[in-house]
């Protein structure tokens, strides 16, 4: 049997009917806060711009000679 079922049953019987839900909400809040702390400040690197192409007539293949 899973431990969470035993804990939820104990909380339902001995503490209050709302206790398991409040505990689950507390864990959900802790999860959201930790997610924001761990992954919040991360920003993706900006993409590099491609190098400009050489001007016309320079750097390209030589023109074909007509025979």
PDB file of N, CA and C in Angstrom:
ATOM      1  N   UNK A   1       0.853  -1.173   0.000  1.00  0.00           N
ATOM      2  CA  UNK A   1       0.000   0.000   0.000  1.00  0.00           C
ATOM      3  C   UNK A   1       0.898   1.235   0.000  1.00  0.00           C
ATOM      4  N   UNK A   2       0.506   2.232  -0.733  1.00  0.00           N
ATOM      5  CA  UNK A   2       1.298   3.453  -0.832  1.00  0.00           C
ATOM      6  C   UNK A   2       1.206   4.267   0.452  1.00  0.00           C
ATOM      7  N   UNK A   3       2.287   4.948   0.767  1.00  0.00           N
ATOM      8  CA  UNK A   3       2.329   5.750   1.984  1.00  0.00           C
ATOM      9  C   UNK A   3       1.386   6.936   1.952  1.00  0.00           C
ATOM     10  N   UNK A   4       1.145   7.475   0.770  1.00  0.00           N
ATOM     11  CA  UNK A   4       0.257   8.641   0.680  1.00  0.00           C
ATOM     12  C   UNK A   4      -1.186   8.274   1.032  1.00  0.00           C
ATOM     13  N   UNK A   5      -1.594   7.053   0.728  1.00  0.00           N
ATOM     14  CA  UNK A   5      -2.952   6.631   1.080  1.00  0.00           C
ATOM     15  C   UNK A   5      -3.111   6.505   2.587  1.00  0.00           C
ATOM     16  N   UNK A   6      -2.085   5.996   3.241  1.00  0.00           N
ATOM     17  CA  UNK A   6      -2.123   5.866   4.698  1.00  0.00           C
ATOM     18  C   UNK A   6      -2.160   7.245   5.340  1.00  0.00           C
ATOM     19  N   UNK A   7      -1.320   8.150   4.858  1.00  0.00           N
ATOM     20  CA  UNK A   7      -1.283   9.510   5.400  1.00  0.00           C
ATOM     21  C   UNK A   7      -2.607  10.228   5.173  1.00  0.00           C
ATOM     22  N   UNK A   8      -3.174  10.106   3.985  1.00  0.00           N
ATOM     23  CA  UNK A   8      -4.460  10.754   3.706  1.00  0.00           C
ATOM     24  C   UNK A   8      -5.560  10.178   4.593  1.00  0.00           C
ATOM     25  N   UNK A   9      -5.587   8.868   4.777  1.00  0.00           N
ATOM     26  CA  UNK A   9      -6.586   8.258   5.657  1.00  0.00           C
ATOM     27  C   UNK A   9      -6.455   8.730   7.088  1.00  0.00           C
ATOM     28  N   UNK A  10      -5.220   8.827   7.566  1.00  0.00           N
ATOM     29  CA  UNK A  10      -4.999   9.325   8.928  1.00  0.00           C
ATOM     30  C   UNK A  10      -5.476  10.771   9.052  1.00  0.00           C
ATOM     31  N   UNK A  11      -5.141  11.609   8.076  1.00  0.00           N
ATOM     32  CA  UNK A  11      -5.550  13.014   8.133  1.00  0.00           C
ATOM     33  C   UNK A  11      -7.069  13.146   8.064  1.00  0.00           C
ATOM     34  N   UNK A  12      -7.725  12.340   7.235  1.00  0.00           N
ATOM     35  CA  UNK A  12      -9.195  12.368   7.161  1.00  0.00           C
ATOM     36  C   UNK A  12      -9.812  11.993   8.510  1.00  0.00           C
ATOM     37  N   UNK A  13      -9.298  10.940   9.140  1.00  0.00           N
ATOM     38  CA  UNK A  13      -9.898  10.425  10.377  1.00  0.00           C
ATOM     39  C   UNK A  13      -9.558  11.262  11.606  1.00  0.00           C
ATOM     40  N   UNK A  14      -8.303  11.624  11.749  1.00  0.00           N
ATOM     41  CA  UNK A  14      -7.853  12.216  13.006  1.00  0.00           C
ATOM     42  C   UNK A  14      -7.758  13.738  12.985  1.00  0.00           C
ATOM     43  N   UNK A  15      -7.512  14.349  11.851  1.00  0.00           N
ATOM     44  CA  UNK A  15      -7.273  15.799  11.824  1.00  0.00           C
ATOM     45  C   UNK A  15      -8.506  16.519  11.305  1.00  0.00           C
ATOM     46  N   UNK A  16      -8.750  16.443  10.033  1.00  0.00           N
ATOM     47  CA  UNK A  16      -9.930  17.085   9.453  1.00  0.00           C
ATOM     48  C   UNK A  16     -10.107  16.574   8.028  1.00  0.00           C
ATOM     49  N   UNK A  17     -11.298  16.749   7.501  1.00  0.00           N
ATOM     50  CA  UNK A  17     -11.550  16.290   6.130  1.00  0.00           C
ATOM     51  C   UNK A  17     -10.816  17.147   5.106  1.00  0.00           C
ATOM     52  N   UNK A  18     -10.533  18.384   5.439  1.00  0.00           N
ATOM     53  CA  UNK A  18      -9.875  19.291   4.496  1.00  0.00           C
ATOM     54  C   UNK A  18      -8.355  19.182   4.547  1.00  0.00           C
ATOM     55  N   UNK A  19      -7.800  18.560   5.569  1.00  0.00           N
ATOM     56  CA  UNK A  19      -6.343  18.532   5.756  1.00  0.00           C
ATOM     57  C   UNK A  19      -5.583  17.936   4.570  1.00  0.00           C
ATOM     58  N   UNK A  20      -5.986  16.804   3.992  1.00  0.00           N
ATOM     59  CA  UNK A  20      -5.230  16.282   2.844  1.00  0.00           C
ATOM     60  C   UNK A  20      -5.236  17.237   1.648  1.00  0.00           C
ATOM     61  N   UNK A  21      -6.350  17.929   1.447  1.00  0.00           N
ATOM     62  CA  UNK A  21      -6.428  18.861   0.323  1.00  0.00           C
ATOM     63  C   UNK A  21      -5.563  20.093   0.572  1.00  0.00           C
ATOM     64  N   UNK A  22      -5.546  20.552   1.828  1.00  0.00           N
ATOM     65  CA  UNK A  22      -4.698  21.695   2.160  1.00  0.00           C
ATOM     66  C   UNK A  22      -3.221  21.328   2.053  1.00  0.00           C
ATOM     67  N   UNK A  23      -2.878  20.130   2.462  1.00  0.00           N
ATOM     68  CA  UNK A  23      -1.502  19.667   2.339  1.00  0.00           C
ATOM     69  C   UNK A  23      -1.099  19.548   0.865  1.00  0.00           C
ATOM     70  N   UNK A  24      -1.997  19.027   0.045  1.00  0.00           N
ATOM     71  CA  UNK A  24      -1.715  18.925  -1.393  1.00  0.00           C
ATOM     72  C   UNK A  24      -1.568  20.309  -2.013  1.00  0.00           C
ATOM     73  N   UNK A  25      -2.398  21.268  -1.586  1.00  0.00           N
ATOM     74  CA  UNK A  25      -2.283  22.639  -2.093  1.00  0.00           C
ATOM     75  C   UNK A  25      -0.956  23.260  -1.681  1.00  0.00           C
ATOM     76  N   UNK A  26      -0.504  22.972  -0.469  1.00  0.00           N
ATOM     77  CA  UNK A  26       0.781  23.481   0.002  1.00  0.00           C
ATOM     78  C   UNK A  26       1.928  22.926  -0.843  1.00  0.00           C
ATOM     79  N   UNK A  27       1.874  21.628  -1.149  1.00  0.00           N
ATOM     80  CA  UNK A  27       2.901  21.036  -2.009  1.00  0.00           C
ATOM     81  C   UNK A  27       2.847  21.619  -3.425  1.00  0.00           C
ATOM     82  N   UNK A  28       1.658  21.870  -3.933  1.00  0.00           N
ATOM     83  CA  UNK A  28       1.518  22.460  -5.264  1.00  0.00           C
ATOM     84  C   UNK A  28       2.111  23.865  -5.293  1.00  0.00           C
ATOM     85  N   UNK A  29       1.867  24.638  -4.242  1.00  0.00           N
ATOM     86  CA  UNK A  29       2.425  25.986  -4.150  1.00  0.00           C
ATOM     87  C   UNK A  29       3.947  25.933  -4.066  1.00  0.00           C
ATOM     88  N   UNK A  30       4.473  25.024  -3.258  1.00  0.00           N
ATOM     89  CA  UNK A  30       5.928  24.882  -3.161  1.00  0.00           C
ATOM     90  C   UNK A  30       6.524  24.492  -4.512  1.00  0.00           C
ATOM     91  N   UNK A  31       5.838  23.629  -5.250  1.00  0.00           N
ATOM     92  CA  UNK A  31       6.298  23.229  -6.574  1.00  0.00           C
ATOM     93  C   UNK A  31       6.341  24.429  -7.515  1.00  0.00           C
ATOM     94  N   UNK A  32       5.303  25.253  -7.509  1.00  0.00           N
ATOM     95  CA  UNK A  32       5.254  26.422  -8.389  1.00  0.00           C
ATOM     96  C   UNK A  32       6.335  27.433  -8.030  1.00  0.00           C
ATOM     97  N   UNK A  33       6.553  27.649  -6.739  1.00  0.00           N
ATOM     98  CA  UNK A  33       7.582  28.605  -6.316  1.00  0.00           C
ATOM     99  C   UNK A  33       8.969  28.107  -6.712  1.00  0.00           C
ATOM    100  N   UNK A  34       9.243  26.834  -6.464  1.00  0.00           N
ATOM    101  CA  UNK A  34      10.550  26.296  -6.836  1.00  0.00           C
ATOM    102  C   UNK A  34      10.759  26.310  -8.345  1.00  0.00           C
ATOM    103  N   UNK A  35       9.718  26.059  -9.111  1.00  0.00           N
ATOM    104  CA  UNK A  35       9.834  26.115 -10.572  1.00  0.00           C
ATOM    105  C   UNK A  35      10.208  27.525 -11.012  1.00  0.00           C
ATOM    106  N   UNK A  36       9.543  28.530 -10.417  1.00  0.00           N
ATOM    107  CA  UNK A  36       9.858  29.911 -10.760  1.00  0.00           C
ATOM    108  C   UNK A  36      11.265  30.303 -10.359  1.00  0.00           C
ATOM    109  N   UNK A  37      11.718  29.827  -9.203  1.00  0.00           N
ATOM    110  CA  UNK A  37      13.067  30.157  -8.738  1.00  0.00           C
ATOM    111  C   UNK A  37      14.117  29.493  -9.627  1.00  0.00           C
ATOM    112  N   UNK A  38      13.901  28.237  -9.972  1.00  0.00           N
ATOM    113  CA  UNK A  38      14.912  27.501 -10.723  1.00  0.00           C
ATOM    114  C   UNK A  38      14.925  27.827 -12.209  1.00  0.00           C
ATOM    115  N   UNK A  39      13.759  28.068 -12.800  1.00  0.00           N
ATOM    116  CA  UNK A  39      13.695  28.271 -14.244  1.00  0.00           C
ATOM    117  C   UNK A  39      13.284  29.678 -14.641  1.00  0.00           C
ATOM    118  N   UNK A  40      12.944  30.527 -13.695  1.00  0.00           N
ATOM    119  CA  UNK A  40      12.489  31.873 -14.011  1.00  0.00           C
ATOM    120  C   UNK A  40      13.545  32.770 -14.622  1.00  0.00           C
ATOM    121  N   UNK A  41      14.772  32.826 -14.046  1.00  0.00           N
ATOM    122  CA  UNK A  41      15.749  33.774 -14.565  1.00  0.00           C
ATOM    123  C   UNK A  41      16.371  33.361 -15.893  1.00  0.00           C
ATOM    124  N   UNK A  42      16.113  32.161 -16.358  1.00  0.00           N
ATOM    125  CA  UNK A  42      16.726  31.696 -17.600  1.00  0.00           C
ATOM    126  C   UNK A  42      16.156  32.439 -18.794  1.00  0.00           C
ATOM    127  N   UNK A  43      17.032  32.944 -19.633  1.00  0.00           N
ATOM    128  CA  UNK A  43      16.630  33.598 -20.876  1.00  0.00           C
ATOM    129  C   UNK A  43      17.368  32.914 -22.027  1.00  0.00           C
ATOM    130  N   UNK A  44      16.683  32.627 -23.117  1.00  0.00           N
ATOM    131  CA  UNK A  44      17.380  31.999 -24.243  1.00  0.00           C
ATOM    132  C   UNK A  44      18.375  32.975 -24.872  1.00  0.00           C
ATOM    133  N   UNK A  45      19.452  32.436 -25.405  1.00  0.00           N
ATOM    134  CA  UNK A  45      20.445  33.266 -26.072  1.00  0.00           C
ATOM    135  C   UNK A  45      19.850  33.826 -27.362  1.00  0.00           C
ATOM    136  N   UNK A  46      20.141  35.080 -27.691  1.00  0.00           N
ATOM    137  CA  UNK A  46      19.624  35.610 -28.958  1.00  0.00           C
ATOM    138  C   UNK A  46      20.272  34.885 -30.132  1.00  0.00           C
ATOM    139  N   UNK A  47      19.512  34.749 -31.172  1.00  0.00           N
ATOM    140  CA  UNK A  47      20.032  34.066 -32.358  1.00  0.00           C
ATOM    141  C   UNK A  47      21.028  34.965 -33.071  1.00  0.00           C
ATOM    142  N   UNK A  48      22.058  34.334 -33.618  1.00  0.00           N
ATOM    143  CA  UNK A  48      23.040  35.109 -34.368  1.00  0.00           C
ATOM    144  C   UNK A  48      22.494  35.416 -35.751  1.00  0.00           C
ATOM    145  N   UNK A  49      22.797  36.606 -36.209  1.00  0.00           N
ATOM    146  CA  UNK A  49      22.401  36.991 -37.561  1.00  0.00           C
ATOM    147  C   UNK A  49      23.371  36.343 -38.548  1.00  0.00           C
ATOM    148  N   UNK A  50      22.879  35.898 -39.707  1.00  0.00           N
ATOM    149  CA  UNK A  50      23.795  35.321 -40.698  1.00  0.00           C
ATOM    150  C   UNK A  50      24.742  36.392 -41.231  1.00  0.00           C
ATOM    151  N   UNK A  51      25.923  35.961 -41.645  1.00  0.00           N
ATOM    152  CA  UNK A  51      26.903  36.900 -42.199  1.00  0.00           C
ATOM    153  C   UNK A  51      26.338  37.513 -43.476  1.00  0.00           C
ATOM    154  N   UNK A  52      26.632  38.786 -43.711  1.00  0.00           N
ATOM    155  CA  UNK A  52      26.116  39.414 -44.938  1.00  0.00           C
ATOM    156  C   UNK A  52      26.742  38.770 -46.170  1.00  0.00           C
ATOM    157  N   UNK A  53      25.967  38.662 -47.217  1.00  0.00           N
ATOM    158  CA  UNK A  53      26.473  38.060 -48.451  1.00  0.00           C
ATOM    159  C   UNK A  53      27.397  39.059 -49.147  1.00  0.00           C
ATOM    160  N   UNK A  54      28.391  38.543 -49.884  1.00  0.00           N
ATOM    161  CA  UNK A  54      29.318  39.453 -50.572  1.00  0.00           C
ATOM    162  C   UNK A  54      28.585  40.240 -51.649  1.00  0.00           C
ATOM    163  N   UNK A  55      29.069  41.439 -51.949  1.00  0.00           N
ATOM    164  CA  UNK A  55      28.406  42.238 -52.990  1.00  0.00           C
ATOM    165  C   UNK A  55      28.497  41.555 -54.350  1.00  0.00           C
ATOM    166  N   UNK A  56      27.624  41.963 -55.251  1.00  0.00           N
ATOM    167  CA  UNK A  56      27.581  41.384 -56.603  1.00  0.00           C
ATOM    168  C   UNK A  56      28.917  41.600 -57.303  1.00  0.00           C
ATOM    169  N   UNK A  57      29.380  40.575 -58.010  1.00  0.00           N
ATOM    170  CA  UNK A  57      30.601  40.695 -58.787  1.00  0.00           C
ATOM    171  C   UNK A  57      31.852  40.371 -57.986  1.00  0.00           C
ATOM    172  N   UNK A  58      31.711  40.139 -56.717  1.00  0.00           N
ATOM    173  CA  UNK A  58      32.876  39.817 -55.896  1.00  0.00           C
ATOM    174  C   UNK A  58      32.607  38.515 -55.138  1.00  0.00           C
ATOM    175  N   UNK A  59      33.591  37.685 -55.095  1.00  0.00           N
ATOM    176  CA  UNK A  59      33.514  36.500 -54.272  1.00  0.00           C
ATOM    177  C   UNK A  59      32.682  35.369 -54.838  1.00  0.00           C
ATOM    178  N   UNK A  60      32.012  35.577 -55.941  1.00  0.00           N
ATOM    179  CA  UNK A  60      31.208  34.525 -56.516  1.00  0.00           C
ATOM    180  C   UNK A  60      32.017  33.693 -57.490  1.00  0.00           C
ATOM    181  N   UNK A  61      31.413  32.690 -58.111  1.00  0.00           N
ATOM    182  CA  UNK A  61      32.141  31.893 -59.103  1.00  0.00           C
ATOM    183  C   UNK A  61      32.418  32.742 -60.347  1.00  0.00           C
ATOM    184  N   UNK A  62      33.495  32.433 -61.062  1.00  0.00           N
ATOM    185  CA  UNK A  62      33.797  33.209 -62.275  1.00  0.00           C
ATOM    186  C   UNK A  62      32.731  32.970 -63.342  1.00  0.00           C
ATOM    187  N   UNK A  63      32.504  33.948 -64.198  1.00  0.00           N
ATOM    188  CA  UNK A  63      31.488  33.767 -65.250  1.00  0.00           C
ATOM    189  C   UNK A  63      31.937  32.701 -66.256  1.00  0.00           C
ATOM    190  N   UNK A  64      30.979  32.017 -66.856  1.00  0.00           N
ATOM    191  CA  UNK A  64      31.283  30.988 -67.856  1.00  0.00           C
ATOM    192  C   UNK A  64      31.636  31.658 -69.179  1.00  0.00           C
ATOM    193  N   UNK A  65      32.584  31.052 -69.853  1.00  0.00           N
ATOM    194  CA  UNK A  65      32.967  31.565 -71.170  1.00  0.00           C
ATOM    195  C   UNK A  65      32.128  30.880 -72.235  1.00  0.00           C
ATOM    196  N   UNK A  66      31.607  31.661 -73.141  1.00  0.00           N
ATOM    197  CA  UNK A  66      30.831  31.108 -74.253  1.00  0.00           C
ATOM    198  C   UNK A  66      31.794  30.669 -75.348  1.00  0.00           C
ATOM    199  N   UNK A  67      31.597  29.504 -75.946  1.00  0.00           N
ATOM    200  CA  UNK A  67      32.479  29.067 -77.021  1.00  0.00           C
ATOM    201  C   UNK A  67      31.779  29.079 -78.339  1.00  0.00           C
TER     202      UNK A  67
END
